[in-house]
């Protein structure tokens, strides 16, 4: 019996190679949620306002945990 490959329409959270400004974290979330990347970048910038550390930690963790597009 031949094995059929099934294509999945599930979205994957990956950092794209094109459209990156720093690491592609904002672009990854924008592509995943199908919203404008500028909105994500503004949200990430606002997380840096209260001392910078909370937003920076979130960004670096996302950079490490979200795989890059192959």
PDB file of N, CA and C in Angstrom:
ATOM      1  N   UNK A   1       0.838  -1.173   0.000  1.00  0.00           N
ATOM      2  CA  UNK A   1       0.000   0.000   0.000  1.00  0.00           C
ATOM      3  C   UNK A   1       0.887   1.243   0.000  1.00  0.00           C
ATOM      4  N   UNK A   2       0.745   2.136  -0.989  1.00  0.00           N
ATOM      5  CA  UNK A   2       1.583   3.337  -1.051  1.00  0.00           C
ATOM      6  C   UNK A   2       1.220   4.315   0.064  1.00  0.00           C
ATOM      7  N   UNK A   3       2.242   5.009   0.524  1.00  0.00           N
ATOM      8  CA  UNK A   3       2.050   6.008   1.567  1.00  0.00           C
ATOM      9  C   UNK A   3       1.759   7.348   0.903  1.00  0.00           C
ATOM     10  N   UNK A   4       0.668   7.972   1.333  1.00  0.00           N
ATOM     11  CA  UNK A   4       0.294   9.273   0.794  1.00  0.00           C
ATOM     12  C   UNK A   4       0.849  10.367   1.674  1.00  0.00           C
ATOM     13  N   UNK A   5       1.412  11.358   1.033  1.00  0.00           N
ATOM     14  CA  UNK A   5       1.871  12.527   1.772  1.00  0.00           C
ATOM     15  C   UNK A   5       0.736  13.531   1.823  1.00  0.00           C
ATOM     16  N   UNK A   6       0.433  13.959   3.014  1.00  0.00           N
ATOM     17  CA  UNK A   6      -0.651  14.908   3.214  1.00  0.00           C
ATOM     18  C   UNK A   6      -0.044  16.279   3.466  1.00  0.00           C
ATOM     19  N   UNK A   7      -0.467  17.249   2.679  1.00  0.00           N
ATOM     20  CA  UNK A   7      -0.006  18.617   2.896  1.00  0.00           C
ATOM     21  C   UNK A   7      -0.856  19.243   3.985  1.00  0.00           C
ATOM     22  N   UNK A   8      -0.191  19.857   4.918  1.00  0.00           N
ATOM     23  CA  UNK A   8      -0.882  20.494   6.020  1.00  0.00           C
ATOM     24  C   UNK A   8      -1.045  21.983   5.730  1.00  0.00           C
ATOM     25  N   UNK A   9      -2.221  22.489   6.019  1.00  0.00           N
ATOM     26  CA  UNK A   9      -2.474  23.916   5.860  1.00  0.00           C
ATOM     27  C   UNK A   9      -2.244  24.667   7.159  1.00  0.00           C
ATOM     28  N   UNK A  10      -1.645  23.988   8.145  1.00  0.00           N
ATOM     29  CA  UNK A  10      -1.363  24.633   9.423  1.00  0.00           C
ATOM     30  C   UNK A  10      -0.289  25.694   9.250  1.00  0.00           C
ATOM     31  N   UNK A  11      -0.501  26.823   9.893  1.00  0.00           N
ATOM     32  CA  UNK A  11       0.507  27.876   9.868  1.00  0.00           C
ATOM     33  C   UNK A  11       1.630  27.496  10.806  1.00  0.00           C
ATOM     34  N   UNK A  12       2.836  27.850  10.424  1.00  0.00           N
ATOM     35  CA  UNK A  12       3.990  27.613  11.274  1.00  0.00           C
ATOM     36  C   UNK A  12       4.611  28.953  11.637  1.00  0.00           C
ATOM     37  N   UNK A  13       5.041  29.052  12.870  1.00  0.00           N
ATOM     38  CA  UNK A  13       5.700  30.258  13.341  1.00  0.00           C
ATOM     39  C   UNK A  13       7.188  30.111  13.060  1.00  0.00           C
ATOM     40  N   UNK A  14       7.646  30.756  11.995  1.00  0.00           N
ATOM     41  CA  UNK A  14       9.061  30.711  11.612  1.00  0.00           C
ATOM     42  C   UNK A  14       9.539  32.120  11.294  1.00  0.00           C
ATOM     43  N   UNK A  15      10.816  32.360  11.555  1.00  0.00           N
ATOM     44  CA  UNK A  15      11.408  33.656  11.229  1.00  0.00           C
ATOM     45  C   UNK A  15      11.830  33.623   9.754  1.00  0.00           C
ATOM     46  N   UNK A  16      11.216  34.445   8.904  1.00  0.00           N
ATOM     47  CA  UNK A  16      11.532  34.418   7.477  1.00  0.00           C
ATOM     48  C   UNK A  16      12.930  34.970   7.191  1.00  0.00           C
ATOM     49  N   UNK A  17      13.488  34.540   6.077  1.00  0.00           N
ATOM     50  CA  UNK A  17      14.803  35.027   5.676  1.00  0.00           C
ATOM     51  C   UNK A  17      14.728  36.417   5.060  1.00  0.00           C
ATOM     52  N   UNK A  18      13.591  36.728   4.422  1.00  0.00           N
ATOM     53  CA  UNK A  18      13.422  38.033   3.789  1.00  0.00           C
ATOM     54  C   UNK A  18      12.489  38.907   4.627  1.00  0.00           C
ATOM     55  N   UNK A  19      12.770  40.196   4.673  1.00  0.00           N
ATOM     56  CA  UNK A  19      11.929  41.133   5.394  1.00  0.00           C
ATOM     57  C   UNK A  19      12.360  41.369   6.825  1.00  0.00           C
ATOM     58  N   UNK A  20      13.473  40.792   7.216  1.00  0.00           N
ATOM     59  CA  UNK A  20      13.969  40.957   8.581  1.00  0.00           C
ATOM     60  C   UNK A  20      14.553  42.347   8.770  1.00  0.00           C
ATOM     61  N   UNK A  21      14.420  42.867   9.977  1.00  0.00           N
ATOM     62  CA  UNK A  21      15.132  44.091  10.352  1.00  0.00           C
ATOM     63  C   UNK A  21      16.284  43.721  11.279  1.00  0.00           C
ATOM     64  N   UNK A  22      16.011  42.895  12.290  1.00  0.00           N
ATOM     65  CA  UNK A  22      17.069  42.432  13.191  1.00  0.00           C
ATOM     66  C   UNK A  22      17.151  40.909  13.100  1.00  0.00           C
ATOM     67  N   UNK A  23      16.167  40.230  13.684  1.00  0.00           N
ATOM     68  CA  UNK A  23      16.205  38.766  13.695  1.00  0.00           C
ATOM     69  C   UNK A  23      14.994  38.131  13.018  1.00  0.00           C
ATOM     70  N   UNK A  24      14.015  38.934  12.650  1.00  0.00           N
ATOM     71  CA  UNK A  24      12.837  38.395  11.984  1.00  0.00           C
ATOM     72  C   UNK A  24      11.715  38.005  12.925  1.00  0.00           C
ATOM     73  N   UNK A  25      11.833  38.364  14.201  1.00  0.00           N
ATOM     74  CA  UNK A  25      10.809  38.001  15.185  1.00  0.00           C
ATOM     75  C   UNK A  25       9.491  38.698  14.871  1.00  0.00           C
ATOM     76  N   UNK A  26       9.531  39.985  14.604  1.00  0.00           N
ATOM     77  CA  UNK A  26       8.305  40.739  14.302  1.00  0.00           C
ATOM     78  C   UNK A  26       7.653  40.222  13.022  1.00  0.00           C
ATOM     79  N   UNK A  27       8.458  39.944  12.018  1.00  0.00           N
ATOM     80  CA  UNK A  27       7.927  39.420  10.757  1.00  0.00           C
ATOM     81  C   UNK A  27       7.307  38.041  10.949  1.00  0.00           C
ATOM     82  N   UNK A  28       7.891  37.232  11.817  1.00  0.00           N
ATOM     83  CA  UNK A  28       7.349  35.898  12.099  1.00  0.00           C
ATOM     84  C   UNK A  28       5.946  36.009  12.683  1.00  0.00           C
ATOM     85  N   UNK A  29       5.768  36.881  13.680  1.00  0.00           N
ATOM     86  CA  UNK A  29       4.452  37.057  14.286  1.00  0.00           C
ATOM     87  C   UNK A  29       3.461  37.684  13.311  1.00  0.00           C
ATOM     88  N   UNK A  30       3.925  38.632  12.504  1.00  0.00           N
ATOM     89  CA  UNK A  30       3.047  39.268  11.523  1.00  0.00           C
ATOM     90  C   UNK A  30       2.555  38.255  10.490  1.00  0.00           C
ATOM     91  N   UNK A  31       3.436  37.407  10.013  1.00  0.00           N
ATOM     92  CA  UNK A  31       3.030  36.381   9.048  1.00  0.00           C
ATOM     93  C   UNK A  31       2.086  35.367   9.682  1.00  0.00           C
ATOM     94  N   UNK A  32       2.366  34.983  10.914  1.00  0.00           N
ATOM     95  CA  UNK A  32       1.558  33.964  11.590  1.00  0.00           C
ATOM     96  C   UNK A  32       0.136  34.460  11.847  1.00  0.00           C
ATOM     97  N   UNK A  33       0.020  35.699  12.335  1.00  0.00           N
ATOM     98  CA  UNK A  33      -1.294  36.245  12.654  1.00  0.00           C
ATOM     99  C   UNK A  33      -1.917  37.025  11.504  1.00  0.00           C
ATOM    100  N   UNK A  34      -1.206  37.115  10.383  1.00  0.00           N
ATOM    101  CA  UNK A  34      -1.684  37.781   9.173  1.00  0.00           C
ATOM    102  C   UNK A  34      -2.075  39.238   9.454  1.00  0.00           C
ATOM    103  N   UNK A  35      -1.140  39.968  10.092  1.00  0.00           N
ATOM    104  CA  UNK A  35      -1.335  41.385  10.359  1.00  0.00           C
ATOM    105  C   UNK A  35      -0.097  42.146   9.899  1.00  0.00           C
ATOM    106  N   UNK A  36      -0.199  43.456   9.897  1.00  0.00           N
ATOM    107  CA  UNK A  36       0.900  44.302   9.427  1.00  0.00           C
ATOM    108  C   UNK A  36       2.092  44.222  10.378  1.00  0.00           C
ATOM    109  N   UNK A  37       3.276  44.083   9.822  1.00  0.00           N
ATOM    110  CA  UNK A  37       4.489  43.952  10.628  1.00  0.00           C
ATOM    111  C   UNK A  37       4.765  45.215  11.438  1.00  0.00           C
ATOM    112  N   UNK A  38       4.323  46.365  10.958  1.00  0.00           N
ATOM    113  CA  UNK A  38       4.539  47.618  11.685  1.00  0.00           C
ATOM    114  C   UNK A  38       3.839  47.592  13.043  1.00  0.00           C
ATOM    115  N   UNK A  39       2.649  47.026  13.093  1.00  0.00           N
ATOM    116  CA  UNK A  39       1.924  46.918  14.358  1.00  0.00           C
ATOM    117  C   UNK A  39       2.704  46.068  15.364  1.00  0.00           C
ATOM    118  N   UNK A  40       3.263  44.966  14.919  1.00  0.00           N
ATOM    119  CA  UNK A  40       4.060  44.102  15.797  1.00  0.00           C
ATOM    120  C   UNK A  40       5.306  44.843  16.263  1.00  0.00           C
ATOM    121  N   UNK A  41       5.948  45.566  15.364  1.00  0.00           N
ATOM    122  CA  UNK A  41       7.159  46.307  15.741  1.00  0.00           C
ATOM    123  C   UNK A  41       6.844  47.399  16.759  1.00  0.00           C
ATOM    124  N   UNK A  42       5.701  48.054  16.630  1.00  0.00           N
ATOM    125  CA  UNK A  42       5.303  49.069  17.600  1.00  0.00           C
ATOM    126  C   UNK A  42       5.046  48.415  18.961  1.00  0.00           C
ATOM    127  N   UNK A  43       4.369  47.280  18.969  1.00  0.00           N
ATOM    128  CA  UNK A  43       4.108  46.565  20.226  1.00  0.00           C
ATOM    129  C   UNK A  43       5.421  46.156  20.881  1.00  0.00           C
ATOM    130  N   UNK A  44       6.345  45.631  20.100  1.00  0.00           N
ATOM    131  CA  UNK A  44       7.647  45.244  20.660  1.00  0.00           C
ATOM    132  C   UNK A  44       8.403  46.462  21.178  1.00  0.00           C
ATOM    133  N   UNK A  45       8.315  47.576  20.480  1.00  0.00           N
ATOM    134  CA  UNK A  45       8.983  48.802  20.942  1.00  0.00           C
ATOM    135  C   UNK A  45       8.366  49.296  22.243  1.00  0.00           C
ATOM    136  N   UNK A  46       7.054  49.181  22.377  1.00  0.00           N
ATOM    137  CA  UNK A  46       6.388  49.609  23.614  1.00  0.00           C
ATOM    138  C   UNK A  46       6.788  48.741  24.801  1.00  0.00           C
ATOM    139  N   UNK A  47       7.115  47.479  24.568  1.00  0.00           N
ATOM    140  CA  UNK A  47       7.563  46.617  25.672  1.00  0.00           C
ATOM    141  C   UNK A  47       8.953  47.012  26.159  1.00  0.00           C
ATOM    142  N   UNK A  48       9.682  47.779  25.355  1.00  0.00           N
ATOM    143  CA  UNK A  48      11.017  48.232  25.764  1.00  0.00           C
ATOM    144  C   UNK A  48      10.975  49.483  26.644  1.00  0.00           C
ATOM    145  N   UNK A  49       9.847  50.188  26.661  1.00  0.00           N
ATOM    146  CA  UNK A  49       9.749  51.457  27.396  1.00  0.00           C
ATOM    147  C   UNK A  49       9.936  51.291  28.908  1.00  0.00           C
ATOM    148  N   UNK A  50       9.266  50.323  29.570  1.00  0.00           N
ATOM    149  CA  UNK A  50       9.424  50.252  31.031  1.00  0.00           C
ATOM    150  C   UNK A  50      10.762  49.633  31.447  1.00  0.00           C
ATOM    151  N   UNK A  51      11.838  50.347  31.222  1.00  0.00           N
ATOM    152  CA  UNK A  51      13.152  49.866  31.642  1.00  0.00           C
ATOM    153  C   UNK A  51      13.908  49.084  30.585  1.00  0.00           C
ATOM    154  N   UNK A  52      13.242  48.648  29.543  1.00  0.00           N
ATOM    155  CA  UNK A  52      13.909  47.946  28.454  1.00  0.00           C
ATOM    156  C   UNK A  52      14.126  46.469  28.660  1.00  0.00           C
ATOM    157  N   UNK A  53      14.370  46.049  29.884  1.00  0.00           N
ATOM    158  CA  UNK A  53      14.727  44.652  30.142  1.00  0.00           C
ATOM    159  C   UNK A  53      13.590  43.681  29.827  1.00  0.00           C
ATOM    160  N   UNK A  54      12.335  43.930  30.266  1.00  0.00           N
ATOM    161  CA  UNK A  54      11.278  42.949  29.963  1.00  0.00           C
ATOM    162  C   UNK A  54      11.095  42.721  28.460  1.00  0.00           C
ATOM    163  N   UNK A  55      11.065  43.783  27.692  1.00  0.00           N
ATOM    164  CA  UNK A  55      10.891  43.654  26.249  1.00  0.00           C
ATOM    165  C   UNK A  55      12.076  42.989  25.581  1.00  0.00           C
ATOM    166  N   UNK A  56      13.267  43.309  26.053  1.00  0.00           N
ATOM    167  CA  UNK A  56      14.477  42.721  25.483  1.00  0.00           C
ATOM    168  C   UNK A  56      14.541  41.222  25.765  1.00  0.00           C
ATOM    169  N   UNK A  57      14.160  40.828  26.968  1.00  0.00           N
ATOM    170  CA  UNK A  57      14.155  39.398  27.313  1.00  0.00           C
ATOM    171  C   UNK A  57      13.151  38.645  26.445  1.00  0.00           C
ATOM    172  N   UNK A  58      11.964  39.210  26.269  1.00  0.00           N
ATOM    173  CA  UNK A  58      10.947  38.582  25.419  1.00  0.00           C
ATOM    174  C   UNK A  58      11.460  38.436  23.991  1.00  0.00           C
ATOM    175  N   UNK A  59      12.067  39.496  23.463  1.00  0.00           N
ATOM    176  CA  UNK A  59      12.570  39.471  22.089  1.00  0.00           C
ATOM    177  C   UNK A  59      13.663  38.417  21.917  1.00  0.00           C
ATOM    178  N   UNK A  60      14.612  38.373  22.845  1.00  0.00           N
ATOM    179  CA  UNK A  60      15.715  37.409  22.743  1.00  0.00           C
ATOM    180  C   UNK A  60      15.199  35.987  22.882  1.00  0.00           C
ATOM    181  N   UNK A  61      14.249  35.752  23.778  1.00  0.00           N
ATOM    182  CA  UNK A  61      13.669  34.413  23.910  1.00  0.00           C
ATOM    183  C   UNK A  61      12.966  33.985  22.623  1.00  0.00           C
ATOM    184  N   UNK A  62      12.220  34.904  22.023  1.00  0.00           N
ATOM    185  CA  UNK A  62      11.556  34.579  20.750  1.00  0.00           C
ATOM    186  C   UNK A  62      12.590  34.308  19.666  1.00  0.00           C
ATOM    187  N   UNK A  63      13.664  35.074  19.653  1.00  0.00           N
ATOM    188  CA  UNK A  63      14.741  34.895  18.682  1.00  0.00           C
ATOM    189  C   UNK A  63      15.327  33.488  18.807  1.00  0.00           C
ATOM    190  N   UNK A  64      15.506  33.027  20.032  1.00  0.00           N
ATOM    191  CA  UNK A  64      16.080  31.705  20.281  1.00  0.00           C
ATOM    192  C   UNK A  64      15.082  30.587  19.985  1.00  0.00           C
ATOM    193  N   UNK A  65      13.828  30.770  20.388  1.00  0.00           N
ATOM    194  CA  UNK A  65      12.841  29.681  20.322  1.00  0.00           C
ATOM    195  C   UNK A  65      12.152  29.530  18.971  1.00  0.00           C
ATOM    196  N   UNK A  66      11.976  30.614  18.234  1.00  0.00           N
ATOM    197  CA  UNK A  66      11.295  30.528  16.934  1.00  0.00           C
ATOM    198  C   UNK A  66      12.319  30.126  15.883  1.00  0.00           C
ATOM    199  N   UNK A  67      12.090  28.998  15.212  1.00  0.00           N
ATOM    200  CA  UNK A  67      13.077  28.556  14.222  1.00  0.00           C
ATOM    201  C   UNK A  67      13.113  29.460  12.986  1.00  0.00           C
ATOM    202  N   UNK A  68      14.279  29.502  12.360  1.00  0.00           N
ATOM    203  CA  UNK A  68      14.447  30.276  11.140  1.00  0.00           C
ATOM    204  C   UNK A  68      13.925  29.469   9.936  1.00  0.00           C
ATOM    205  N   UNK A  69      13.424  30.181   8.959  1.00  0.00           N
ATOM    206  CA  UNK A  69      12.944  29.547   7.741  1.00  0.00           C
ATOM    207  C   UNK A  69      14.107  28.890   7.010  1.00  0.00           C
ATOM    208  N   UNK A  70      13.874  27.750   6.439  1.00  0.00           N
ATOM    209  CA  UNK A  70      14.947  27.035   5.736  1.00  0.00           C
ATOM    210  C   UNK A  70      14.948  27.319   4.270  1.00  0.00           C
TER     211      UNK A  70
END
